[in-house]
Amino acid sequence: MHAWLSALSFLLVSTLIGVGILAASRAIRVRAKVDSPLKQNTYECGEEPAQVAWMQFHARYYVVALFFVLFDIEAVFLFPWATVLRELGAGAFAAAVTFVLVLMLGWLYALRKEALQWQ
C-alpha cells in the first residue's frame, strides 16, 4: 500500500507542476494589442514567396520512412542481443530468429506489394 501511495503522490505532484507551469506561462505571456496581418505571411529570408509553401508529398516517402524506422529498430534490438548471445542460451537465440523471420516476412510482403518501387 505504501508503494501505491508514493506512486500516486508522485503522479499528483507531477501533474500539478505541469498544470502550474502552463497556467503561469498563460498568465504572464506578452500579447500584442492588435494582431498584424503581416504575421500570417510566409517569411522566406526577407524575399517575397515565389509560390504557395504547401505541397503534397507522395505517400511512398512515408512508406520508405516507415520501413527505415522498422529496420532501424530491428538493429537496435539485435546488436545488444548479439553481444550477450553466449550467456542467453538457445531460447534467446530462437526468440531472436523468430523476431528476424517476422520482420523478413513483412519485408517480403512489402516487396510483393511493390511498396518500395519508385514509379
N, C-alpha and C. Protein backbone atom coordinates (compact mmCIF):
# COMPACT_ATOMS: atom_id res chain seq x y z
N MET A 1 0.82 -1.20 0.00
CA MET A 1 0.00 0.00 0.00
C MET A 1 0.87 1.26 0.00
N HIS A 2 2.01 1.20 0.69
CA HIS A 2 2.90 2.35 0.77
C HIS A 2 3.48 2.68 -0.61
N ALA A 3 3.77 1.65 -1.42
CA ALA A 3 4.32 1.88 -2.76
C ALA A 3 3.28 2.57 -3.64
N TRP A 4 2.02 2.16 -3.53
CA TRP A 4 0.98 2.79 -4.34
C TRP A 4 0.75 4.23 -3.89
N LEU A 5 0.86 4.48 -2.61
CA LEU A 5 0.67 5.83 -2.11
C LEU A 5 1.76 6.76 -2.61
N SER A 6 3.00 6.30 -2.62
CA SER A 6 4.07 7.16 -3.12
C SER A 6 3.96 7.34 -4.63
N ALA A 7 3.52 6.31 -5.36
CA ALA A 7 3.32 6.46 -6.80
C ALA A 7 2.20 7.45 -7.09
N LEU A 8 1.12 7.36 -6.32
CA LEU A 8 0.01 8.29 -6.50
C LEU A 8 0.42 9.72 -6.16
N SER A 9 1.20 9.89 -5.11
CA SER A 9 1.64 11.24 -4.75
C SER A 9 2.59 11.79 -5.82
N PHE A 10 3.46 10.94 -6.37
CA PHE A 10 4.33 11.38 -7.45
C PHE A 10 3.52 11.82 -8.66
N LEU A 11 2.50 11.04 -9.02
CA LEU A 11 1.65 11.39 -10.15
C LEU A 11 0.91 12.70 -9.89
N LEU A 12 0.42 12.88 -8.69
CA LEU A 12 -0.31 14.11 -8.34
C LEU A 12 0.61 15.33 -8.39
N VAL A 13 1.80 15.21 -7.81
CA VAL A 13 2.73 16.34 -7.79
C VAL A 13 3.20 16.68 -9.20
N SER A 14 3.52 15.67 -10.01
CA SER A 14 3.97 15.95 -11.38
C SER A 14 2.86 16.58 -12.21
N THR A 15 1.63 16.15 -12.01
CA THR A 15 0.51 16.77 -12.73
C THR A 15 0.32 18.21 -12.29
N LEU A 16 0.38 18.47 -11.00
CA LEU A 16 0.23 19.84 -10.51
C LEU A 16 1.35 20.74 -11.01
N ILE A 17 2.56 20.24 -11.07
CA ILE A 17 3.67 21.05 -11.58
C ILE A 17 3.44 21.37 -13.06
N GLY A 18 3.05 20.39 -13.84
CA GLY A 18 2.79 20.62 -15.27
C GLY A 18 1.68 21.63 -15.50
N VAL A 19 0.56 21.46 -14.80
CA VAL A 19 -0.56 22.38 -14.95
C VAL A 19 -0.17 23.76 -14.43
N GLY A 20 0.59 23.82 -13.35
CA GLY A 20 1.03 25.10 -12.80
C GLY A 20 1.92 25.86 -13.76
N ILE A 21 2.84 25.18 -14.40
CA ILE A 21 3.72 25.83 -15.38
C ILE A 21 2.91 26.36 -16.56
N LEU A 22 1.98 25.56 -17.05
CA LEU A 22 1.14 26.02 -18.16
C LEU A 22 0.29 27.23 -17.77
N ALA A 23 -0.29 27.20 -16.57
CA ALA A 23 -1.11 28.33 -16.11
C ALA A 23 -0.25 29.57 -15.92
N ALA A 24 0.95 29.42 -15.36
CA ALA A 24 1.82 30.58 -15.15
C ALA A 24 2.26 31.18 -16.48
N SER A 25 2.58 30.35 -17.45
CA SER A 25 3.00 30.89 -18.74
C SER A 25 1.85 31.61 -19.44
N ARG A 26 0.65 31.11 -19.27
CA ARG A 26 -0.51 31.80 -19.86
C ARG A 26 -0.79 33.12 -19.15
N ALA A 27 -0.55 33.16 -17.84
CA ALA A 27 -0.85 34.38 -17.07
C ALA A 27 0.16 35.48 -17.33
N ILE A 28 1.42 35.15 -17.59
CA ILE A 28 2.44 36.20 -17.74
C ILE A 28 2.88 36.39 -19.19
N ARG A 29 2.15 35.84 -20.13
CA ARG A 29 2.55 35.99 -21.53
C ARG A 29 2.39 37.43 -22.00
N VAL A 30 3.11 37.75 -23.06
CA VAL A 30 3.04 39.08 -23.65
C VAL A 30 2.28 38.93 -24.98
N ARG A 31 1.24 39.73 -25.12
CA ARG A 31 0.44 39.66 -26.35
C ARG A 31 0.37 41.05 -26.97
N ALA A 32 0.34 41.07 -28.28
CA ALA A 32 0.18 42.34 -29.00
C ALA A 32 -1.26 42.82 -28.83
N LYS A 33 -1.42 44.14 -28.81
CA LYS A 33 -2.76 44.69 -28.67
C LYS A 33 -3.58 44.47 -29.93
N VAL A 34 -2.91 44.54 -31.08
CA VAL A 34 -3.58 44.35 -32.36
C VAL A 34 -2.79 43.31 -33.15
N ASP A 35 -3.46 42.28 -33.62
CA ASP A 35 -2.79 41.28 -34.45
C ASP A 35 -2.56 41.85 -35.84
N SER A 36 -1.34 41.77 -36.30
CA SER A 36 -0.99 42.28 -37.61
C SER A 36 -1.22 41.20 -38.66
N PRO A 37 -1.81 41.58 -39.81
CA PRO A 37 -1.96 40.58 -40.88
C PRO A 37 -0.62 40.15 -41.46
N LEU A 38 0.43 40.93 -41.18
CA LEU A 38 1.75 40.58 -41.65
C LEU A 38 2.25 39.28 -41.01
N LYS A 39 1.75 38.96 -39.82
CA LYS A 39 2.15 37.73 -39.14
C LYS A 39 1.71 36.48 -39.91
N GLN A 40 0.68 36.61 -40.70
CA GLN A 40 0.14 35.46 -41.42
C GLN A 40 0.89 35.16 -42.72
N ASN A 41 1.77 36.08 -43.15
CA ASN A 41 2.52 35.88 -44.39
C ASN A 41 3.67 34.90 -44.17
N THR A 42 4.03 34.21 -45.25
CA THR A 42 5.18 33.32 -45.21
C THR A 42 6.44 34.15 -45.30
N TYR A 43 7.41 33.86 -44.45
CA TYR A 43 8.67 34.59 -44.44
C TYR A 43 9.76 33.69 -44.99
N GLU A 44 10.36 34.11 -46.09
CA GLU A 44 11.44 33.35 -46.70
C GLU A 44 12.66 34.25 -46.83
N CYS A 45 13.35 34.46 -45.75
CA CYS A 45 14.59 35.24 -45.72
C CYS A 45 14.41 36.65 -46.28
N GLY A 46 13.30 37.25 -46.03
CA GLY A 46 13.07 38.61 -46.48
C GLY A 46 12.59 38.73 -47.91
N GLU A 47 12.49 37.62 -48.62
CA GLU A 47 12.04 37.63 -50.02
C GLU A 47 10.55 37.35 -50.07
N GLU A 48 9.94 37.84 -51.12
CA GLU A 48 8.54 37.50 -51.35
C GLU A 48 8.45 36.04 -51.79
N PRO A 49 7.48 35.29 -51.29
CA PRO A 49 7.36 33.88 -51.69
C PRO A 49 7.06 33.76 -53.19
N ALA A 50 7.73 32.82 -53.83
CA ALA A 50 7.54 32.62 -55.26
C ALA A 50 6.28 31.82 -55.56
N GLN A 51 5.91 30.95 -54.63
CA GLN A 51 4.71 30.13 -54.83
C GLN A 51 4.16 29.75 -53.46
N VAL A 52 3.10 28.97 -53.46
CA VAL A 52 2.49 28.53 -52.21
C VAL A 52 3.45 27.58 -51.50
N ALA A 53 3.59 27.75 -50.20
CA ALA A 53 4.54 26.94 -49.44
C ALA A 53 4.03 25.53 -49.17
N TRP A 54 2.74 25.30 -49.30
CA TRP A 54 2.18 23.98 -49.04
C TRP A 54 2.33 23.11 -50.28
N MET A 55 2.87 21.94 -50.09
CA MET A 55 2.97 21.00 -51.20
C MET A 55 2.70 19.59 -50.67
N GLN A 56 2.19 18.75 -51.54
CA GLN A 56 1.89 17.38 -51.13
C GLN A 56 3.05 16.48 -51.51
N PHE A 57 3.37 15.57 -50.60
CA PHE A 57 4.38 14.57 -50.88
C PHE A 57 3.69 13.26 -51.20
N HIS A 58 4.33 12.49 -52.05
CA HIS A 58 3.78 11.19 -52.38
C HIS A 58 3.83 10.30 -51.16
N ALA A 59 2.86 9.42 -51.01
CA ALA A 59 2.78 8.55 -49.84
C ALA A 59 3.95 7.58 -49.76
N ARG A 60 4.62 7.33 -50.86
CA ARG A 60 5.75 6.39 -50.85
C ARG A 60 6.91 6.92 -50.00
N TYR A 61 7.05 8.23 -49.87
CA TYR A 61 8.09 8.77 -49.00
C TYR A 61 7.84 8.31 -47.56
N TYR A 62 6.59 8.33 -47.14
CA TYR A 62 6.26 7.92 -45.79
C TYR A 62 6.43 6.42 -45.60
N VAL A 63 6.13 5.65 -46.63
CA VAL A 63 6.31 4.19 -46.55
C VAL A 63 7.79 3.86 -46.40
N VAL A 64 8.64 4.52 -47.18
CA VAL A 64 10.07 4.28 -47.08
C VAL A 64 10.58 4.70 -45.70
N ALA A 65 10.10 5.82 -45.19
CA ALA A 65 10.49 6.26 -43.85
C ALA A 65 10.04 5.26 -42.79
N LEU A 66 8.86 4.69 -42.96
CA LEU A 66 8.36 3.70 -42.01
C LEU A 66 9.23 2.45 -42.03
N PHE A 67 9.62 2.01 -43.23
CA PHE A 67 10.50 0.84 -43.31
C PHE A 67 11.87 1.14 -42.72
N PHE A 68 12.36 2.34 -42.92
CA PHE A 68 13.64 2.71 -42.32
C PHE A 68 13.57 2.62 -40.81
N VAL A 69 12.51 3.17 -40.22
CA VAL A 69 12.36 3.12 -38.77
C VAL A 69 12.22 1.68 -38.30
N LEU A 70 11.47 0.88 -39.03
CA LEU A 70 11.27 -0.51 -38.64
C LEU A 70 12.59 -1.27 -38.60
N PHE A 71 13.41 -1.14 -39.63
CA PHE A 71 14.66 -1.88 -39.66
C PHE A 71 15.72 -1.24 -38.77
N ASP A 72 15.59 0.03 -38.49
CA ASP A 72 16.48 0.66 -37.54
C ASP A 72 16.21 0.14 -36.14
N ILE A 73 14.95 -0.03 -35.81
CA ILE A 73 14.58 -0.60 -34.51
C ILE A 73 15.04 -2.05 -34.42
N GLU A 74 14.96 -2.76 -35.54
CA GLU A 74 15.46 -4.13 -35.54
C GLU A 74 16.95 -4.15 -35.18
N ALA A 75 17.71 -3.25 -35.74
CA ALA A 75 19.14 -3.20 -35.42
C ALA A 75 19.37 -2.84 -33.96
N VAL A 76 18.56 -1.96 -33.42
CA VAL A 76 18.69 -1.56 -32.02
C VAL A 76 18.45 -2.76 -31.11
N PHE A 77 17.54 -3.64 -31.47
CA PHE A 77 17.29 -4.82 -30.66
C PHE A 77 18.32 -5.92 -30.87
N LEU A 78 18.85 -6.04 -32.08
CA LEU A 78 19.73 -7.17 -32.37
C LEU A 78 21.17 -6.97 -31.93
N PHE A 79 21.69 -5.77 -31.95
CA PHE A 79 23.09 -5.57 -31.56
C PHE A 79 23.34 -5.89 -30.08
N PRO A 80 22.53 -5.42 -29.15
CA PRO A 80 22.77 -5.83 -27.76
C PRO A 80 22.58 -7.34 -27.56
N TRP A 81 21.61 -7.89 -28.26
CA TRP A 81 21.39 -9.33 -28.17
C TRP A 81 22.62 -10.09 -28.64
N ALA A 82 23.24 -9.63 -29.70
CA ALA A 82 24.40 -10.33 -30.25
C ALA A 82 25.60 -10.28 -29.32
N THR A 83 25.69 -9.24 -28.51
CA THR A 83 26.84 -9.14 -27.61
C THR A 83 26.77 -10.13 -26.44
N VAL A 84 25.56 -10.54 -26.07
CA VAL A 84 25.41 -11.46 -24.93
C VAL A 84 24.81 -12.79 -25.36
N LEU A 85 25.01 -13.15 -26.60
CA LEU A 85 24.39 -14.37 -27.14
C LEU A 85 24.82 -15.61 -26.38
N ARG A 86 26.08 -15.73 -26.03
CA ARG A 86 26.56 -16.95 -25.37
C ARG A 86 25.93 -17.14 -23.98
N GLU A 87 25.66 -16.05 -23.28
CA GLU A 87 25.09 -16.17 -21.94
C GLU A 87 23.59 -16.45 -21.96
N LEU A 88 22.92 -16.07 -23.03
CA LEU A 88 21.46 -16.18 -23.06
C LEU A 88 20.97 -17.59 -23.36
N GLY A 89 21.68 -18.32 -24.18
CA GLY A 89 21.29 -19.69 -24.46
C GLY A 89 20.43 -19.84 -25.71
N ALA A 90 19.94 -21.06 -25.88
CA ALA A 90 19.21 -21.42 -27.10
C ALA A 90 17.83 -20.77 -27.17
N GLY A 91 17.20 -20.56 -26.02
CA GLY A 91 15.87 -19.95 -26.03
C GLY A 91 15.89 -18.53 -26.58
N ALA A 92 16.88 -17.78 -26.18
CA ALA A 92 17.01 -16.41 -26.68
C ALA A 92 17.37 -16.41 -28.16
N PHE A 93 18.18 -17.38 -28.57
CA PHE A 93 18.52 -17.48 -30.00
C PHE A 93 17.27 -17.76 -30.82
N ALA A 94 16.42 -18.66 -30.34
CA ALA A 94 15.18 -18.98 -31.06
C ALA A 94 14.26 -17.75 -31.10
N ALA A 95 14.20 -17.00 -30.01
CA ALA A 95 13.36 -15.80 -29.99
C ALA A 95 13.88 -14.76 -30.98
N ALA A 96 15.20 -14.60 -31.06
CA ALA A 96 15.77 -13.63 -32.00
C ALA A 96 15.55 -14.06 -33.44
N VAL A 97 15.69 -15.36 -33.71
CA VAL A 97 15.44 -15.86 -35.06
C VAL A 97 13.98 -15.64 -35.44
N THR A 98 13.07 -15.88 -34.50
CA THR A 98 11.65 -15.63 -34.76
C THR A 98 11.41 -14.15 -35.04
N PHE A 99 12.05 -13.28 -34.27
CA PHE A 99 11.94 -11.83 -34.47
C PHE A 99 12.39 -11.44 -35.86
N VAL A 100 13.52 -11.95 -36.28
CA VAL A 100 14.04 -11.62 -37.61
C VAL A 100 13.15 -12.20 -38.70
N LEU A 101 12.64 -13.40 -38.50
CA LEU A 101 11.76 -14.01 -39.51
C LEU A 101 10.47 -13.22 -39.69
N VAL A 102 9.90 -12.74 -38.59
CA VAL A 102 8.69 -11.92 -38.70
C VAL A 102 8.98 -10.63 -39.46
N LEU A 103 10.11 -10.01 -39.18
CA LEU A 103 10.48 -8.80 -39.91
C LEU A 103 10.73 -9.08 -41.39
N MET A 104 11.36 -10.21 -41.68
CA MET A 104 11.62 -10.56 -43.08
C MET A 104 10.33 -10.88 -43.82
N LEU A 105 9.36 -11.48 -43.13
CA LEU A 105 8.06 -11.71 -43.76
C LEU A 105 7.39 -10.38 -44.11
N GLY A 106 7.49 -9.41 -43.21
CA GLY A 106 6.96 -8.08 -43.51
C GLY A 106 7.66 -7.42 -44.67
N TRP A 107 8.98 -7.61 -44.73
CA TRP A 107 9.76 -7.04 -45.84
C TRP A 107 9.38 -7.71 -47.17
N LEU A 108 9.22 -9.04 -47.15
CA LEU A 108 8.80 -9.75 -48.37
C LEU A 108 7.40 -9.34 -48.80
N TYR A 109 6.52 -9.12 -47.84
CA TYR A 109 5.18 -8.64 -48.15
C TYR A 109 5.23 -7.27 -48.83
N ALA A 110 6.09 -6.39 -48.31
CA ALA A 110 6.24 -5.06 -48.91
C ALA A 110 6.81 -5.17 -50.32
N LEU A 111 7.74 -6.06 -50.52
CA LEU A 111 8.28 -6.26 -51.87
C LEU A 111 7.23 -6.80 -52.81
N ARG A 112 6.42 -7.73 -52.33
CA ARG A 112 5.38 -8.32 -53.18
C ARG A 112 4.31 -7.28 -53.56
N LYS A 113 3.99 -6.39 -52.61
CA LYS A 113 3.02 -5.32 -52.87
C LYS A 113 3.64 -4.15 -53.62
N GLU A 114 4.95 -4.23 -53.91
CA GLU A 114 5.71 -3.18 -54.60
C GLU A 114 5.61 -1.85 -53.86
N ALA A 115 5.67 -1.93 -52.52
CA ALA A 115 5.60 -0.71 -51.71
C ALA A 115 6.89 0.10 -51.80
N LEU A 116 7.99 -0.54 -52.17
CA LEU A 116 9.26 0.16 -52.23
C LEU A 116 9.69 0.49 -53.65
N GLN A 117 8.83 0.28 -54.62
CA GLN A 117 9.15 0.58 -56.02
C GLN A 117 8.80 2.03 -56.32
N TRP A 118 9.76 2.74 -56.91
CA TRP A 118 9.53 4.13 -57.33
C TRP A 118 9.07 4.12 -58.78
N GLN A 119 7.95 4.74 -59.03
CA GLN A 119 7.41 4.74 -60.40
C GLN A 119 7.29 6.14 -60.94
